[in-house]
């Protein structure tokens, strides 16, 4: 089972090591809600336009209902769950 997170890299303030910070979990890959992703992209776009952010490059549409530019992606290692103690 795989999950789809929305994450970005940040640096630890003391060690300086880079780590992935999950901003939002989009759920299981096999149950991905494309409508939710479309609403999220729309909300982010409206926010960026409202704060006069610089124009982002537009991606060639792959899907007429939902398209966005992926600049980089890689797997995020997830540690196994810790055993519970009673």
N, C-alpha and C. Protein backbone atom coordinates (compact mmCIF):
# COMPACT_ATOMS: atom_id res chain seq x y z
N UNK A 1 0.85 -1.16 0.00
CA UNK A 1 0.00 0.00 0.00
C UNK A 1 0.90 1.23 0.00
N UNK A 2 0.60 2.18 -0.88
CA UNK A 2 1.39 3.41 -0.98
C UNK A 2 0.47 4.60 -0.74
N UNK A 3 1.05 5.65 -0.15
CA UNK A 3 0.32 6.87 0.14
C UNK A 3 0.91 8.02 -0.67
N UNK A 4 0.09 9.03 -0.93
CA UNK A 4 0.52 10.18 -1.73
C UNK A 4 0.56 11.41 -0.82
N UNK A 5 1.78 11.86 -0.43
CA UNK A 5 1.87 13.07 0.38
C UNK A 5 2.20 14.29 -0.47
N UNK A 6 1.79 15.44 0.00
CA UNK A 6 2.26 16.71 -0.55
C UNK A 6 3.31 17.18 0.44
N UNK A 7 4.57 17.24 -0.02
CA UNK A 7 5.66 17.53 0.91
C UNK A 7 6.66 18.50 0.28
N UNK A 8 7.46 19.10 1.13
CA UNK A 8 8.56 19.92 0.64
C UNK A 8 9.76 19.69 1.55
N UNK A 9 10.94 19.96 1.03
CA UNK A 9 12.16 19.78 1.81
C UNK A 9 12.44 21.04 2.62
N UNK A 10 12.88 20.82 3.82
CA UNK A 10 13.27 21.91 4.70
C UNK A 10 14.52 21.49 5.46
N UNK A 11 15.19 22.42 6.07
CA UNK A 11 16.41 22.11 6.81
C UNK A 11 16.16 22.17 8.31
N UNK A 12 16.73 21.22 9.03
CA UNK A 12 16.64 21.21 10.49
C UNK A 12 17.45 22.40 11.00
N UNK A 13 16.89 23.21 11.91
CA UNK A 13 17.57 24.43 12.34
C UNK A 13 18.91 24.19 13.05
N UNK A 14 19.06 23.07 13.72
CA UNK A 14 20.30 22.82 14.46
C UNK A 14 21.31 22.00 13.66
N UNK A 15 20.84 20.90 13.07
CA UNK A 15 21.79 20.01 12.36
C UNK A 15 22.06 20.47 10.93
N UNK A 16 21.12 21.20 10.34
CA UNK A 16 21.28 21.62 8.96
C UNK A 16 20.94 20.54 7.95
N UNK A 17 20.53 19.37 8.43
CA UNK A 17 20.15 18.27 7.53
C UNK A 17 18.81 18.58 6.87
N UNK A 18 18.68 18.17 5.63
CA UNK A 18 17.44 18.35 4.89
C UNK A 18 16.51 17.18 5.19
N UNK A 19 15.22 17.49 5.35
CA UNK A 19 14.24 16.43 5.55
C UNK A 19 12.92 16.84 4.90
N UNK A 20 12.12 15.85 4.58
CA UNK A 20 10.82 16.10 3.94
C UNK A 20 9.79 16.40 5.02
N UNK A 21 9.10 17.51 4.85
CA UNK A 21 8.01 17.88 5.75
C UNK A 21 6.70 17.69 4.99
N UNK A 22 5.86 16.79 5.49
CA UNK A 22 4.58 16.51 4.84
C UNK A 22 3.61 17.63 5.18
N UNK A 23 3.10 18.28 4.14
CA UNK A 23 2.13 19.36 4.32
C UNK A 23 0.70 18.83 4.34
N UNK A 24 0.48 17.79 3.54
CA UNK A 24 -0.87 17.23 3.45
C UNK A 24 -0.77 15.80 2.94
N UNK A 25 -1.52 14.90 3.54
CA UNK A 25 -1.59 13.54 3.04
C UNK A 25 -2.82 13.43 2.13
N UNK A 26 -2.59 13.06 0.88
CA UNK A 26 -3.69 12.93 -0.08
C UNK A 26 -4.35 11.57 -0.02
N UNK A 27 -3.88 10.70 0.85
CA UNK A 27 -4.49 9.38 1.03
C UNK A 27 -3.76 8.30 0.26
N UNK A 28 -4.42 7.16 0.17
CA UNK A 28 -3.83 6.01 -0.50
C UNK A 28 -3.80 6.22 -2.01
N UNK A 29 -2.73 5.74 -2.63
CA UNK A 29 -2.56 5.92 -4.07
C UNK A 29 -3.69 5.23 -4.85
N UNK A 30 -4.11 4.06 -4.39
CA UNK A 30 -5.17 3.34 -5.10
C UNK A 30 -6.55 3.95 -4.89
N UNK A 31 -6.68 4.90 -3.97
CA UNK A 31 -7.97 5.56 -3.71
C UNK A 31 -7.84 7.08 -3.88
N UNK A 32 -6.90 7.51 -4.71
CA UNK A 32 -6.63 8.94 -4.87
C UNK A 32 -7.86 9.68 -5.41
N UNK A 33 -8.18 10.77 -4.76
CA UNK A 33 -9.34 11.58 -5.13
C UNK A 33 -8.86 12.71 -6.05
N UNK A 34 -9.00 12.50 -7.36
CA UNK A 34 -8.53 13.48 -8.34
C UNK A 34 -9.29 14.80 -8.23
N UNK A 35 -10.56 14.75 -7.85
CA UNK A 35 -11.33 15.99 -7.68
C UNK A 35 -10.75 16.82 -6.54
N UNK A 36 -10.35 16.16 -5.45
CA UNK A 36 -9.74 16.87 -4.32
C UNK A 36 -8.43 17.53 -4.77
N UNK A 37 -7.62 16.82 -5.55
CA UNK A 37 -6.37 17.40 -6.04
C UNK A 37 -6.65 18.61 -6.93
N UNK A 38 -7.67 18.51 -7.76
CA UNK A 38 -8.05 19.64 -8.61
C UNK A 38 -8.47 20.85 -7.80
N UNK A 39 -9.23 20.62 -6.73
CA UNK A 39 -9.64 21.74 -5.86
C UNK A 39 -8.43 22.34 -5.16
N UNK A 40 -7.50 21.49 -4.73
CA UNK A 40 -6.29 21.98 -4.06
C UNK A 40 -5.46 22.85 -5.01
N UNK A 41 -5.26 22.38 -6.23
CA UNK A 41 -4.50 23.16 -7.23
C UNK A 41 -5.22 24.47 -7.51
N UNK A 42 -6.53 24.44 -7.63
CA UNK A 42 -7.30 25.66 -7.87
C UNK A 42 -7.16 26.65 -6.72
N UNK A 43 -7.24 26.16 -5.49
CA UNK A 43 -7.09 27.04 -4.32
C UNK A 43 -5.70 27.65 -4.25
N UNK A 44 -4.68 26.84 -4.50
CA UNK A 44 -3.31 27.36 -4.49
C UNK A 44 -3.12 28.41 -5.58
N UNK A 45 -3.69 28.16 -6.75
CA UNK A 45 -3.58 29.11 -7.86
C UNK A 45 -4.25 30.44 -7.52
N UNK A 46 -5.46 30.37 -6.94
CA UNK A 46 -6.15 31.60 -6.55
C UNK A 46 -5.36 32.36 -5.50
N UNK A 47 -4.77 31.65 -4.54
CA UNK A 47 -3.97 32.31 -3.52
C UNK A 47 -2.76 32.99 -4.13
N UNK A 48 -2.05 32.28 -5.01
CA UNK A 48 -0.86 32.86 -5.63
C UNK A 48 -1.21 34.10 -6.45
N UNK A 49 -2.35 34.09 -7.13
CA UNK A 49 -2.77 35.25 -7.91
C UNK A 49 -3.15 36.40 -6.99
N UNK A 50 -3.69 36.12 -5.81
CA UNK A 50 -4.14 37.19 -4.92
C UNK A 50 -2.98 37.90 -4.23
N UNK A 51 -1.83 37.25 -4.11
CA UNK A 51 -0.68 37.88 -3.45
C UNK A 51 0.33 38.41 -4.46
N UNK A 52 -0.09 38.48 -5.73
CA UNK A 52 0.76 39.00 -6.80
C UNK A 52 2.10 38.27 -6.89
N UNK A 53 2.03 36.96 -6.75
CA UNK A 53 3.25 36.15 -6.88
C UNK A 53 3.70 36.14 -8.33
N UNK A 54 4.98 35.92 -8.58
CA UNK A 54 5.44 35.84 -9.97
C UNK A 54 4.75 34.69 -10.69
N UNK A 55 4.56 34.86 -11.99
CA UNK A 55 3.90 33.82 -12.78
C UNK A 55 4.72 32.53 -12.77
N UNK A 56 4.04 31.43 -12.53
CA UNK A 56 4.68 30.13 -12.58
C UNK A 56 4.64 29.60 -14.00
N UNK A 57 5.63 28.82 -14.42
CA UNK A 57 5.59 28.25 -15.76
C UNK A 57 4.41 27.30 -15.89
N UNK A 58 3.77 27.31 -17.03
CA UNK A 58 2.63 26.42 -17.27
C UNK A 58 3.11 25.14 -17.91
N UNK A 59 2.56 24.05 -17.45
CA UNK A 59 2.91 22.74 -18.02
C UNK A 59 2.01 22.47 -19.22
N UNK A 60 2.49 21.68 -20.15
CA UNK A 60 1.63 21.22 -21.23
C UNK A 60 0.55 20.35 -20.62
N UNK A 61 -0.70 20.58 -20.95
CA UNK A 61 -1.75 19.79 -20.32
C UNK A 61 -1.67 18.32 -20.71
N UNK A 62 -1.60 17.50 -19.71
CA UNK A 62 -1.62 16.05 -19.92
C UNK A 62 -3.06 15.57 -19.79
N UNK A 63 -3.77 16.17 -18.87
CA UNK A 63 -5.16 15.82 -18.62
C UNK A 63 -5.95 17.13 -18.66
N UNK A 64 -6.99 17.19 -19.47
CA UNK A 64 -7.72 18.45 -19.63
C UNK A 64 -8.40 18.87 -18.33
N UNK A 65 -8.70 17.93 -17.43
CA UNK A 65 -9.37 18.29 -16.19
C UNK A 65 -8.38 18.70 -15.10
N UNK A 66 -7.18 18.18 -15.12
CA UNK A 66 -6.23 18.44 -14.06
C UNK A 66 -4.82 18.40 -14.63
N UNK A 67 -4.11 19.50 -14.54
CA UNK A 67 -2.71 19.49 -14.96
C UNK A 67 -1.92 20.42 -14.07
N UNK A 68 -0.74 20.03 -13.73
CA UNK A 68 0.16 20.86 -12.96
C UNK A 68 1.58 20.44 -13.26
N UNK A 69 2.53 21.29 -12.92
CA UNK A 69 3.93 21.07 -13.23
C UNK A 69 4.60 20.40 -12.04
N UNK A 70 5.21 19.25 -12.26
CA UNK A 70 5.99 18.57 -11.24
C UNK A 70 7.44 18.86 -11.53
N UNK A 71 8.09 19.60 -10.65
CA UNK A 71 9.48 19.97 -10.90
C UNK A 71 10.45 18.90 -10.42
N UNK A 72 10.07 18.15 -9.40
CA UNK A 72 10.95 17.13 -8.86
C UNK A 72 10.14 16.22 -7.95
N UNK A 73 10.44 14.95 -7.94
CA UNK A 73 9.78 14.05 -7.01
C UNK A 73 10.70 12.89 -6.71
N UNK A 74 10.53 12.34 -5.54
CA UNK A 74 11.28 11.15 -5.15
C UNK A 74 10.54 10.50 -4.00
N UNK A 75 10.84 9.23 -3.78
CA UNK A 75 10.17 8.49 -2.71
C UNK A 75 10.61 9.02 -1.36
N UNK A 76 9.69 9.08 -0.43
CA UNK A 76 9.99 9.49 0.94
C UNK A 76 10.04 8.22 1.78
N UNK A 77 11.20 7.92 2.37
CA UNK A 77 11.27 6.72 3.20
C UNK A 77 10.42 6.89 4.44
N UNK A 78 9.60 5.91 4.71
CA UNK A 78 8.73 5.95 5.89
C UNK A 78 9.18 4.82 6.82
N UNK A 79 9.53 5.16 8.06
CA UNK A 79 9.96 4.10 8.97
C UNK A 79 8.80 3.20 9.31
N UNK A 80 9.10 1.92 9.62
CA UNK A 80 8.00 1.02 10.01
C UNK A 80 7.39 1.46 11.32
N UNK A 81 6.14 1.11 11.58
CA UNK A 81 5.52 1.51 12.83
C UNK A 81 6.25 0.90 14.02
N UNK A 82 6.29 1.64 15.10
CA UNK A 82 6.91 1.13 16.33
C UNK A 82 6.00 0.12 16.97
N UNK A 83 6.59 -0.95 17.52
CA UNK A 83 5.74 -1.93 18.22
C UNK A 83 5.13 -1.28 19.48
N UNK A 84 3.90 -1.61 19.73
CA UNK A 84 3.23 -1.07 20.92
C UNK A 84 3.52 -1.95 22.12
N UNK A 85 3.65 -1.33 23.24
CA UNK A 85 3.88 -2.09 24.48
C UNK A 85 2.65 -1.97 25.35
N UNK A 86 2.30 -3.05 25.97
CA UNK A 86 1.08 -3.04 26.82
C UNK A 86 1.41 -2.78 28.26
